[in-house]
Amino acid sequence: MSSSDSPSDQTITVHELREWMRTFVAERNWEKFHNAKNLSMSLAIETGELLEHFQWLTSDEVVAREGYDLQEVRDEMADVACYLLSLANALDVDLAQAIEQKMVKNRLKYPAED
């Protein structure tokens, strides 16, 4: 797939991303390992790896996009997203619905007027 053919946030659905992960996992016969415990642990580990890129930087450095390799950060972000999508698959959770419902709760908990 060339970069001009690559999907973007504007052209791909969460469902399609979940299907990519479902196919990737199935092709490797990893379903037996993809349960909520293992996937949530892997998600936490990958999130920690993402944090490492910013661990010793100041907030000013991060805002200025200094002191870290953006491609490495992107890779870690993708790992986090892949594990989250796999967890959604394992638990049959519709992420769009979950996010929408959570935002309703967040709006009540954190009103914009405050």
Protein backbone atom coordinates (compact mmCIF):
# COMPACT_ATOMS: atom_id res chain seq x y z
CA MET A 1 0.00 0.00 0.00
CA SER A 2 1.53 3.31 -1.01
CA SER A 3 1.34 6.34 1.26
CA SER A 4 -1.25 7.90 -1.06
CA ASP A 5 -3.37 4.75 -0.66
CA SER A 6 -2.88 4.58 3.09
CA PRO A 7 -5.95 4.96 5.24
CA SER A 8 -6.36 7.95 7.51
CA ASP A 9 -8.56 8.78 10.45
CA GLN A 10 -10.93 10.34 7.93
CA THR A 11 -11.21 7.28 5.67
CA ILE A 12 -11.32 4.20 7.90
CA THR A 13 -13.83 3.04 10.47
CA VAL A 14 -13.26 1.53 13.88
CA HIS A 15 -14.97 -1.59 12.55
CA GLU A 16 -12.39 -1.87 9.77
CA LEU A 17 -9.54 -1.46 12.25
CA ARG A 18 -11.05 -4.15 14.45
CA GLU A 19 -11.31 -6.46 11.44
CA TRP A 20 -7.64 -5.85 10.60
CA MET A 21 -6.73 -6.93 14.12
CA ARG A 22 -9.14 -9.90 14.08
CA THR A 23 -7.57 -11.12 10.81
CA PHE A 24 -4.00 -10.54 12.02
CA VAL A 25 -4.68 -12.50 15.22
CA ALA A 26 -6.51 -15.32 13.42
CA GLU A 27 -3.74 -15.74 10.83
CA ARG A 28 -1.32 -16.43 13.68
CA ASN A 29 -3.70 -18.61 15.75
CA TRP A 30 -3.32 -16.22 18.69
CA GLU A 31 -6.99 -16.31 19.75
CA LYS A 32 -6.15 -18.63 22.67
CA PHE A 33 -3.92 -15.89 24.10
CA HIS A 34 -6.29 -13.00 23.42
CA ASN A 35 -8.42 -12.91 26.53
CA ALA A 36 -9.29 -9.88 28.63
CA LYS A 37 -6.56 -10.54 31.21
CA ASN A 38 -3.71 -10.96 28.73
CA LEU A 39 -4.83 -8.13 26.47
CA SER A 40 -5.36 -5.63 29.29
CA MET A 41 -1.93 -6.50 30.68
CA SER A 42 -0.38 -6.06 27.23
CA LEU A 43 -2.22 -2.78 26.83
CA ALA A 44 -0.75 -1.53 30.12
CA ILE A 45 2.74 -2.64 29.10
CA GLU A 46 2.51 -0.87 25.75
CA THR A 47 1.18 2.27 27.45
CA GLY A 48 4.23 2.17 29.70
CA GLU A 49 6.47 1.92 26.65
CA LEU A 50 4.74 5.01 25.25
CA LEU A 51 5.32 6.87 28.50
CA GLU A 52 9.05 6.08 28.41
CA HIS A 53 9.50 8.42 25.45
CA PHE A 54 8.42 11.39 27.57
CA GLN A 55 9.60 10.24 31.00
CA TRP A 56 12.51 12.63 31.56
CA LEU A 57 11.41 15.49 29.33
CA THR A 58 10.02 18.76 30.59
CA SER A 59 6.54 19.83 29.58
CA ASP A 60 8.12 22.61 27.51
CA GLU A 61 10.22 20.10 25.58
CA VAL A 62 7.20 17.94 24.85
CA VAL A 63 5.11 20.92 23.71
CA ALA A 64 8.00 21.99 21.47
CA ARG A 65 8.17 18.41 20.15
CA GLU A 66 11.77 18.06 21.26
CA GLY A 67 13.63 15.19 22.88
CA TYR A 68 11.72 12.27 21.39
CA ASP A 69 11.45 10.44 18.10
CA LEU A 70 7.95 10.95 16.68
CA GLN A 71 8.09 7.76 14.60
CA GLU A 72 8.89 5.72 17.70
CA VAL A 73 6.03 7.43 19.56
CA ARG A 74 3.69 6.69 16.62
CA ASP A 75 4.71 3.03 16.75
CA GLU A 76 3.93 2.84 20.46
CA MET A 77 0.61 4.61 19.93
CA ALA A 78 -0.23 2.04 17.25
CA ASP A 79 0.67 -0.80 19.62
CA VAL A 80 -1.64 0.67 22.28
CA ALA A 81 -4.45 1.04 19.74
CA CYS A 82 -3.95 -2.49 18.41
CA TYR A 83 -4.22 -4.00 21.87
CA LEU A 84 -7.29 -1.89 22.63
CA LEU A 85 -8.93 -3.04 19.38
CA SER A 86 -8.06 -6.65 20.21
CA LEU A 87 -9.54 -6.24 23.68
CA ALA A 88 -12.72 -4.85 22.13
CA ASN A 89 -12.81 -7.90 19.87
CA ALA A 90 -12.24 -10.32 22.74
CA LEU A 91 -15.01 -8.74 24.83
CA ASP A 92 -17.28 -7.88 21.89
CA VAL A 93 -17.38 -4.22 22.95
CA ASP A 94 -18.52 -1.64 20.41
CA LEU A 95 -15.91 1.07 20.99
CA ALA A 96 -17.89 3.83 19.29
CA GLN A 97 -20.87 3.15 21.56
CA ALA A 98 -18.62 2.85 24.63
CA ILE A 99 -16.95 6.20 23.88
CA GLU A 100 -20.26 7.91 23.19
CA GLN A 101 -21.75 6.62 26.45
CA LYS A 102 -18.65 7.59 28.40
CA MET A 103 -18.71 11.12 26.94
CA VAL A 104 -22.31 11.52 28.11
CA LYS A 105 -21.13 10.62 31.63
CA ASN A 106 -18.11 12.94 31.31
CA ARG A 107 -20.30 15.88 30.22
CA LEU A 108 -22.44 15.42 33.32
CA LYS A 109 -19.42 15.01 35.58
CA TYR A 110 -17.45 17.90 34.02
CA PRO A 111 -19.89 20.52 32.71
CA ALA A 112 -18.36 23.03 30.30
CA GLU A 113 -19.75 25.88 32.39
CA ASP A 114 -17.48 24.95 35.28
